Amino acid sequence: MAGTAGALSIMESKAATLVGVFISVTTIPAVAAMGVHLAAGNSERAWGATLQLVINTSCLPGAAAQVSFSTKDSSWRRFRHS
């Protein structure tokens, strides 16, 4: 989702505010879970939260590229007709 918001913010100036929201949605819960489980001494669950964070952050560039390529044509058409 965050990658999607990043790509949209490039294509649309109005989506710039959503970028921070989507990045927070994908990273903060995993980091919070890591901290809670480490504080509770549950290292196995902390590793699970770490894995979730790695998966979330590694998917961001792919999502951004996908949205960027899918909206490129429609943005170009709007630009030409303006």
PDB file of N, CA and C in Angstrom:
ATOM      1  N   MET A   1       0.813  -1.192   0.000  1.00  0.00           N
ATOM      2  CA  MET A   1       0.000   0.000   0.000  1.00  0.00           C
ATOM      3  C   MET A   1       0.859   1.259   0.000  1.00  0.00           C
ATOM      4  N   ALA A   2       1.907   1.234   0.762  1.00  0.00           N
ATOM      5  CA  ALA A   2       2.745   2.424   0.823  1.00  0.00           C
ATOM      6  C   ALA A   2       3.396   2.708  -0.515  1.00  0.00           C
ATOM      7  N   GLY A   3       3.807   1.655  -1.204  1.00  0.00           N
ATOM      8  CA  GLY A   3       4.377   1.851  -2.537  1.00  0.00           C
ATOM      9  C   GLY A   3       3.358   2.421  -3.485  1.00  0.00           C
ATOM     10  N   THR A   4       2.130   1.993  -3.342  1.00  0.00           N
ATOM     11  CA  THR A   4       1.044   2.518  -4.155  1.00  0.00           C
ATOM     12  C   THR A   4       0.860   4.002  -3.881  1.00  0.00           C
ATOM     13  N   ALA A   5       0.869   4.364  -2.632  1.00  0.00           N
ATOM     14  CA  ALA A   5       0.708   5.777  -2.283  1.00  0.00           C
ATOM     15  C   ALA A   5       1.883   6.597  -2.784  1.00  0.00           C
ATOM     16  N   GLY A   6       3.081   6.038  -2.705  1.00  0.00           N
ATOM     17  CA  GLY A   6       4.248   6.751  -3.219  1.00  0.00           C
ATOM     18  C   GLY A   6       4.148   6.996  -4.701  1.00  0.00           C
ATOM     19  N   ALA A   7       3.715   5.992  -5.423  1.00  0.00           N
ATOM     20  CA  ALA A   7       3.566   6.150  -6.873  1.00  0.00           C
ATOM     21  C   ALA A   7       2.470   7.147  -7.189  1.00  0.00           C
ATOM     22  N   LEU A   8       1.387   7.083  -6.457  1.00  0.00           N
ATOM     23  CA  LEU A   8       0.301   8.030  -6.700  1.00  0.00           C
ATOM     24  C   LEU A   8       0.717   9.457  -6.380  1.00  0.00           C
ATOM     25  N   SER A   9       1.548   9.635  -5.375  1.00  0.00           N
ATOM     26  CA  SER A   9       1.973  10.990  -5.030  1.00  0.00           C
ATOM     27  C   SER A   9       2.831  11.594  -6.129  1.00  0.00           C
ATOM     28  N   ILE A  10       3.528  10.751  -6.867  1.00  0.00           N
ATOM     29  CA  ILE A  10       4.303  11.245  -7.994  1.00  0.00           C
ATOM     30  C   ILE A  10       3.357  11.660  -9.116  1.00  0.00           C
ATOM     31  N   MET A  11       2.323  10.848  -9.332  1.00  0.00           N
ATOM     32  CA  MET A  11       1.386  11.092 -10.415  1.00  0.00           C
ATOM     33  C   MET A  11       0.358  12.171 -10.068  1.00  0.00           C
ATOM     34  N   GLU A  12      -0.028  12.233  -8.831  1.00  0.00           N
ATOM     35  CA  GLU A  12      -1.069  13.157  -8.384  1.00  0.00           C
ATOM     36  C   GLU A  12      -0.563  13.924  -7.163  1.00  0.00           C
ATOM     37  N   SER A  13      -0.587  15.220  -7.230  1.00  0.00           N
ATOM     38  CA  SER A  13      -0.086  16.014  -6.106  1.00  0.00           C
ATOM     39  C   SER A  13      -0.976  15.901  -4.876  1.00  0.00           C
ATOM     40  N   LYS A  14      -2.237  15.579  -5.035  1.00  0.00           N
ATOM     41  CA  LYS A  14      -3.158  15.482  -3.910  1.00  0.00           C
ATOM     42  C   LYS A  14      -2.881  14.276  -3.023  1.00  0.00           C
ATOM     43  N   ALA A  15      -2.236  13.271  -3.547  1.00  0.00           N
ATOM     44  CA  ALA A  15      -1.997  12.048  -2.778  1.00  0.00           C
ATOM     45  C   ALA A  15      -0.764  12.144  -1.894  1.00  0.00           C
ATOM     46  N   ALA A  16      -0.083  13.278  -1.914  1.00  0.00           N
ATOM     47  CA  ALA A  16       1.169  13.410  -1.164  1.00  0.00           C
ATOM     48  C   ALA A  16       0.963  13.170   0.332  1.00  0.00           C
ATOM     49  N   THR A  17      -0.166  13.570   0.862  1.00  0.00           N
ATOM     50  CA  THR A  17      -0.424  13.388   2.282  1.00  0.00           C
ATOM     51  C   THR A  17      -0.603  11.924   2.636  1.00  0.00           C
ATOM     52  N   LEU A  18      -1.123  11.145   1.714  1.00  0.00           N
ATOM     53  CA  LEU A  18      -1.384   9.742   1.987  1.00  0.00           C
ATOM     54  C   LEU A  18      -0.127   8.888   2.046  1.00  0.00           C
ATOM     55  N   VAL A  19       0.950   9.372   1.488  1.00  0.00           N
ATOM     56  CA  VAL A  19       2.176   8.582   1.466  1.00  0.00           C
ATOM     57  C   VAL A  19       2.615   8.240   2.878  1.00  0.00           C
ATOM     58  N   GLY A  20       2.687   9.219   3.737  1.00  0.00           N
ATOM     59  CA  GLY A  20       3.093   8.978   5.123  1.00  0.00           C
ATOM     60  C   GLY A  20       2.143   8.054   5.851  1.00  0.00           C
ATOM     61  N   VAL A  21       0.867   8.191   5.571  1.00  0.00           N
ATOM     62  CA  VAL A  21      -0.122   7.337   6.214  1.00  0.00           C
ATOM     63  C   VAL A  21       0.078   5.883   5.803  1.00  0.00           C
ATOM     64  N   PHE A  22       0.240   5.634   4.517  1.00  0.00           N
ATOM     65  CA  PHE A  22       0.383   4.259   4.055  1.00  0.00           C
ATOM     66  C   PHE A  22       1.708   3.638   4.505  1.00  0.00           C
ATOM     67  N   ILE A  23       2.758   4.429   4.535  1.00  0.00           N
ATOM     68  CA  ILE A  23       4.031   3.895   5.029  1.00  0.00           C
ATOM     69  C   ILE A  23       3.912   3.561   6.515  1.00  0.00           C
ATOM     70  N   SER A  24       3.245   4.413   7.262  1.00  0.00           N
ATOM     71  CA  SER A  24       3.038   4.136   8.683  1.00  0.00           C
ATOM     72  C   SER A  24       2.210   2.884   8.895  1.00  0.00           C
ATOM     73  N   VAL A  25       1.196   2.689   8.075  1.00  0.00           N
ATOM     74  CA  VAL A  25       0.329   1.525   8.209  1.00  0.00           C
ATOM     75  C   VAL A  25       1.102   0.229   7.965  1.00  0.00           C
ATOM     76  N   THR A  26       2.103   0.275   7.097  1.00  0.00           N
ATOM     77  CA  THR A  26       2.837  -0.950   6.794  1.00  0.00           C
ATOM     78  C   THR A  26       4.019  -1.199   7.716  1.00  0.00           C
ATOM     79  N   THR A  27       4.525  -0.177   8.387  1.00  0.00           N
ATOM     80  CA  THR A  27       5.726  -0.377   9.194  1.00  0.00           C
ATOM     81  C   THR A  27       5.488  -0.312  10.701  1.00  0.00           C
ATOM     82  N   ILE A  28       4.693   0.613  11.174  1.00  0.00           N
ATOM     83  CA  ILE A  28       4.569   0.823  12.620  1.00  0.00           C
ATOM     84  C   ILE A  28       4.007  -0.390  13.364  1.00  0.00           C
ATOM     85  N   PRO A  29       2.961  -1.062  12.860  1.00  0.00           N
ATOM     86  CA  PRO A  29       2.480  -2.231  13.616  1.00  0.00           C
ATOM     87  C   PRO A  29       3.534  -3.331  13.774  1.00  0.00           C
ATOM     88  N   ALA A  30       4.305  -3.580  12.736  1.00  0.00           N
ATOM     89  CA  ALA A  30       5.337  -4.621  12.835  1.00  0.00           C
ATOM     90  C   ALA A  30       6.429  -4.221  13.816  1.00  0.00           C
ATOM     91  N   VAL A  31       6.832  -2.977  13.794  1.00  0.00           N
ATOM     92  CA  VAL A  31       7.867  -2.505  14.721  1.00  0.00           C
ATOM     93  C   VAL A  31       7.339  -2.526  16.159  1.00  0.00           C
ATOM     94  N   ALA A  32       6.081  -2.136  16.334  1.00  0.00           N
ATOM     95  CA  ALA A  32       5.488  -2.168  17.675  1.00  0.00           C
ATOM     96  C   ALA A  32       5.406  -3.601  18.193  1.00  0.00           C
ATOM     97  N   ALA A  33       5.018  -4.523  17.317  1.00  0.00           N
ATOM     98  CA  ALA A  33       4.943  -5.930  17.733  1.00  0.00           C
ATOM     99  C   ALA A  33       6.322  -6.457  18.110  1.00  0.00           C
ATOM    100  N   MET A  34       7.349  -6.062  17.354  1.00  0.00           N
ATOM    101  CA  MET A  34       8.709  -6.477  17.713  1.00  0.00           C
ATOM    102  C   MET A  34       9.052  -6.000  19.115  1.00  0.00           C
ATOM    103  N   GLY A  35       8.786  -4.744  19.392  1.00  0.00           N
ATOM    104  CA  GLY A  35       9.112  -4.193  20.704  1.00  0.00           C
ATOM    105  C   GLY A  35       8.358  -4.849  21.832  1.00  0.00           C
ATOM    106  N   VAL A  36       7.080  -5.078  21.633  1.00  0.00           N
ATOM    107  CA  VAL A  36       6.259  -5.708  22.677  1.00  0.00           C
ATOM    108  C   VAL A  36       6.749  -7.123  22.957  1.00  0.00           C
ATOM    109  N   HIS A  37       7.011  -7.877  21.906  1.00  0.00           N
ATOM    110  CA  HIS A  37       7.438  -9.263  22.107  1.00  0.00           C
ATOM    111  C   HIS A  37       8.851  -9.354  22.679  1.00  0.00           C
ATOM    112  N   LEU A  38       9.721  -8.436  22.285  1.00  0.00           N
ATOM    113  CA  LEU A  38      11.061  -8.430  22.889  1.00  0.00           C
ATOM    114  C   LEU A  38      10.986  -8.077  24.366  1.00  0.00           C
ATOM    115  N   ALA A  39      10.134  -7.107  24.707  1.00  0.00           N
ATOM    116  CA  ALA A  39       9.989  -6.719  26.110  1.00  0.00           C
ATOM    117  C   ALA A  39       9.399  -7.855  26.942  1.00  0.00           C
ATOM    118  N   ALA A  40       8.532  -8.640  26.316  1.00  0.00           N
ATOM    119  CA  ALA A  40       7.917  -9.763  27.029  1.00  0.00           C
ATOM    120  C   ALA A  40       8.816 -10.992  27.047  1.00  0.00           C
ATOM    121  N   GLY A  41       9.949 -10.923  26.341  1.00  0.00           N
ATOM    122  CA  GLY A  41      10.869 -12.047  26.323  1.00  0.00           C
ATOM    123  C   GLY A  41      10.474 -13.149  25.353  1.00  0.00           C
ATOM    124  N   ASN A  42       9.613 -12.839  24.423  1.00  0.00           N
ATOM    125  CA  ASN A  42       9.150 -13.833  23.455  1.00  0.00           C
ATOM    126  C   ASN A  42       9.885 -13.603  22.133  1.00  0.00           C
ATOM    127  N   SER A  43      11.088 -14.155  22.035  1.00  0.00           N
ATOM    128  CA  SER A  43      11.923 -13.888  20.871  1.00  0.00           C
ATOM    129  C   SER A  43      11.380 -14.523  19.592  1.00  0.00           C
ATOM    130  N   GLU A  44      10.673 -15.637  19.704  1.00  0.00           N
ATOM    131  CA  GLU A  44      10.125 -16.284  18.503  1.00  0.00           C
ATOM    132  C   GLU A  44       9.091 -15.383  17.818  1.00  0.00           C
ATOM    133  N   ARG A  45       8.212 -14.798  18.592  1.00  0.00           N
ATOM    134  CA  ARG A  45       7.218 -13.885  18.017  1.00  0.00           C
ATOM    135  C   ARG A  45       7.868 -12.586  17.543  1.00  0.00           C
ATOM    136  N   ALA A  46       8.918 -12.161  18.211  1.00  0.00           N
ATOM    137  CA  ALA A  46       9.637 -10.959  17.773  1.00  0.00           C
ATOM    138  C   ALA A  46      10.261 -11.194  16.398  1.00  0.00           C
ATOM    139  N   TRP A  47      10.794 -12.404  16.175  1.00  0.00           N
ATOM    140  CA  TRP A  47      11.338 -12.725  14.856  1.00  0.00           C
ATOM    141  C   TRP A  47      10.235 -12.748  13.803  1.00  0.00           C
ATOM    142  N   GLY A  48       9.053 -13.214  14.170  1.00  0.00           N
ATOM    143  CA  GLY A  48       7.917 -13.199  13.250  1.00  0.00           C
ATOM    144  C   GLY A  48       7.533 -11.781  12.857  1.00  0.00           C
ATOM    145  N   ALA A  49       7.542 -10.874  13.831  1.00  0.00           N
ATOM    146  CA  ALA A  49       7.240  -9.471  13.542  1.00  0.00           C
ATOM    147  C   ALA A  49       8.334  -8.848  12.675  1.00  0.00           C
ATOM    148  N   THR A  50       9.576  -9.247  12.919  1.00  0.00           N
ATOM    149  CA  THR A  50      10.688  -8.760  12.098  1.00  0.00           C
ATOM    150  C   THR A  50      10.530  -9.233  10.657  1.00  0.00           C
ATOM    151  N   LEU A  51      10.152 -10.477  10.493  1.00  0.00           N
ATOM    152  CA  LEU A  51       9.913 -11.012   9.148  1.00  0.00           C
ATOM    153  C   LEU A  51       8.783 -10.251   8.456  1.00  0.00           C
ATOM    154  N   GLN A  52       7.727  -9.944   9.203  1.00  0.00           N
ATOM    155  CA  GLN A  52       6.618  -9.182   8.625  1.00  0.00           C
ATOM    156  C   GLN A  52       7.081  -7.804   8.183  1.00  0.00           C
ATOM    157  N   LEU A  53       7.918  -7.162   8.960  1.00  0.00           N
ATOM    158  CA  LEU A  53       8.454  -5.851   8.586  1.00  0.00           C
ATOM    159  C   LEU A  53       9.299  -5.947   7.320  1.00  0.00           C
ATOM    160  N   VAL A  54      10.132  -6.965   7.228  1.00  0.00           N
ATOM    161  CA  VAL A  54      10.966  -7.150   6.034  1.00  0.00           C
ATOM    162  C   VAL A  54      10.102  -7.386   4.802  1.00  0.00           C
ATOM    163  N   ILE A  55       9.078  -8.206   4.936  1.00  0.00           N
ATOM    164  CA  ILE A  55       8.178  -8.469   3.811  1.00  0.00           C
ATOM    165  C   ILE A  55       7.473  -7.186   3.388  1.00  0.00           C
ATOM    166  N   ASN A  56       6.951  -6.452   4.354  1.00  0.00           N
ATOM    167  CA  ASN A  56       6.228  -5.210   4.036  1.00  0.00           C
ATOM    168  C   ASN A  56       7.129  -4.210   3.316  1.00  0.00           C
ATOM    169  N   THR A  57       8.316  -3.992   3.834  1.00  0.00           N
ATOM    170  CA  THR A  57       9.183  -2.981   3.234  1.00  0.00           C
ATOM    171  C   THR A  57       9.772  -3.435   1.908  1.00  0.00           C
ATOM    172  N   SER A  58       9.951  -4.738   1.735  1.00  0.00           N
ATOM    173  CA  SER A  58      10.496  -5.195   0.464  1.00  0.00           C
ATOM    174  C   SER A  58       9.460  -5.170  -0.654  1.00  0.00           C
ATOM    175  N   CYS A  59       8.198  -5.174  -0.318  1.00  0.00           N
ATOM    176  CA  CYS A  59       7.131  -5.121  -1.333  1.00  0.00           C
ATOM    177  C   CYS A  59       6.819  -3.696  -1.779  1.00  0.00           C
ATOM    178  N   LEU A  60       7.277  -2.710  -1.060  1.00  0.00           N
ATOM    179  CA  LEU A  60       6.948  -1.316  -1.394  1.00  0.00           C
ATOM    180  C   LEU A  60       7.422  -0.901  -2.788  1.00  0.00           C
ATOM    181  N   PRO A  61       8.666  -1.156  -3.176  1.00  0.00           N
ATOM    182  CA  PRO A  61       9.092  -0.731  -4.517  1.00  0.00           C
ATOM    183  C   PRO A  61       8.314  -1.418  -5.644  1.00  0.00           C
ATOM    184  N   GLY A  62       7.985  -2.676  -5.467  1.00  0.00           N
ATOM    185  CA  GLY A  62       7.215  -3.380  -6.486  1.00  0.00           C
ATOM    186  C   GLY A  62       5.822  -2.807  -6.651  1.00  0.00           C
ATOM    187  N   ALA A  63       5.185  -2.483  -5.541  1.00  0.00           N
ATOM    188  CA  ALA A  63       3.856  -1.878  -5.613  1.00  0.00           C
ATOM    189  C   ALA A  63       3.923  -0.499  -6.252  1.00  0.00           C
ATOM    190  N   ALA A  64       4.962   0.251  -5.929  1.00  0.00           N
ATOM    191  CA  ALA A  64       5.115   1.582  -6.528  1.00  0.00           C
ATOM    192  C   ALA A  64       5.313   1.482  -8.029  1.00  0.00           C
ATOM    193  N   ALA A  65       6.114   0.537  -8.464  1.00  0.00           N
ATOM    194  CA  ALA A  65       6.351   0.363  -9.897  1.00  0.00           C
ATOM    195  C   ALA A  65       5.076  -0.061 -10.609  1.00  0.00           C
ATOM    196  N   GLN A  66       4.333  -0.956 -10.007  1.00  0.00           N
ATOM    197  CA  GLN A  66       3.100  -1.436 -10.635  1.00  0.00           C
ATOM    198  C   GLN A  66       2.098  -0.303 -10.806  1.00  0.00           C
ATOM    199  N   VAL A  67       1.910   0.501  -9.790  1.00  0.00           N
ATOM    200  CA  VAL A  67       0.967   1.616  -9.895  1.00  0.00           C
ATOM    201  C   VAL A  67       1.479   2.658 -10.869  1.00  0.00           C
ATOM    202  N   SER A  68       2.769   2.907 -10.836  1.00  0.00           N
ATOM    203  CA  SER A  68       3.346   3.894 -11.734  1.00  0.00           C
ATOM    204  C   SER A  68       3.118   3.505 -13.194  1.00  0.00           C
ATOM    205  N   PHE A  69       3.359   2.247 -13.520  1.00  0.00           N
ATOM    206  CA  PHE A  69       3.173   1.801 -14.897  1.00  0.00           C
ATOM    207  C   PHE A  69       1.707   1.746 -15.287  1.00  0.00           C
ATOM    208  N   SER A  70       0.835   1.413 -14.350  1.00  0.00           N
ATOM    209  CA  SER A  70      -0.585   1.306 -14.693  1.00  0.00           C
ATOM    210  C   SER A  70      -1.250   2.661 -14.827  1.00  0.00           C
ATOM    211  N   THR A  71      -0.729   3.691 -14.158  1.00  0.00           N
ATOM    212  CA  THR A  71      -1.348   5.019 -14.257  1.00  0.00           C
ATOM    213  C   THR A  71      -0.621   5.926 -15.242  1.00  0.00           C
ATOM    214  N   LYS A  72       0.487   5.474 -15.782  1.00  0.00           N
ATOM    215  CA  LYS A  72       1.279   6.322 -16.678  1.00  0.00           C
ATOM    216  C   LYS A  72       0.473   6.743 -17.900  1.00  0.00           C
ATOM    217  N   ASP A  73      -0.206   5.814 -18.541  1.00  0.00           N
ATOM    218  CA  ASP A  73      -0.955   6.131 -19.750  1.00  0.00           C
ATOM    219  C   ASP A  73      -2.106   7.089 -19.482  1.00  0.00           C
ATOM    220  N   SER A  74      -2.849   6.861 -18.400  1.00  0.00           N
ATOM    221  CA  SER A  74      -3.980   7.737 -18.117  1.00  0.00           C
ATOM    222  C   SER A  74      -3.507   9.137 -17.744  1.00  0.00           C
ATOM    223  N   SER A  75      -2.390   9.237 -17.040  1.00  0.00           N
ATOM    224  CA  SER A  75      -1.867  10.564 -16.691  1.00  0.00           C
ATOM    225  C   SER A  75      -1.383  11.294 -17.936  1.00  0.00           C
ATOM    226  N   TRP A  76      -0.768  10.572 -18.853  1.00  0.00           N
ATOM    227  CA  TRP A  76      -0.288  11.187 -20.091  1.00  0.00           C
ATOM    228  C   TRP A  76      -1.464  11.687 -20.926  1.00  0.00           C
ATOM    229  N   ARG A  77      -2.544  10.937 -20.995  1.00  0.00           N
ATOM    230  CA  ARG A  77      -3.732  11.365 -21.751  1.00  0.00           C
ATOM    231  C   ARG A  77      -4.326  12.630 -21.144  1.00  0.00           C
ATOM    232  N   ARG A  78      -4.388  12.700 -19.816  1.00  0.00           N
ATOM    233  CA  ARG A  78      -4.904  13.905 -19.178  1.00  0.00           C
ATOM    234  C   ARG A  78      -4.031  15.089 -19.477  1.00  0.00           C
ATOM    235  N   PHE A  79      -2.722  14.882 -19.474  1.00  0.00           N
ATOM    236  CA  PHE A  79      -1.784  15.966 -19.747  1.00  0.00           C
ATOM    237  C   PHE A  79      -1.950  16.476 -21.177  1.00  0.00           C
ATOM    238  N   ARG A  80      -2.114  15.590 -22.141  1.00  0.00           N
ATOM    239  CA  ARG A  80      -2.253  15.991 -23.539  1.00  0.00           C
ATOM    240  C   ARG A  80      -3.550  16.744 -23.783  1.00  0.00           C
ATOM    241  N   HIS A  81      -4.614  16.385 -23.057  1.00  0.00           N
ATOM    242  CA  HIS A  81      -5.912  17.017 -23.281  1.00  0.00           C
ATOM    243  C   HIS A  81      -6.089  18.303 -22.476  1.00  0.00           C
ATOM    244  N   SER A  82      -5.143  18.649 -21.667  1.00  0.00           N
ATOM    245  CA  SER A  82      -5.255  19.874 -20.862  1.00  0.00           C
ATOM    246  C   SER A  82      -4.955  21.103 -21.671  1.00  0.00           C
TER     247      SER A  82
END
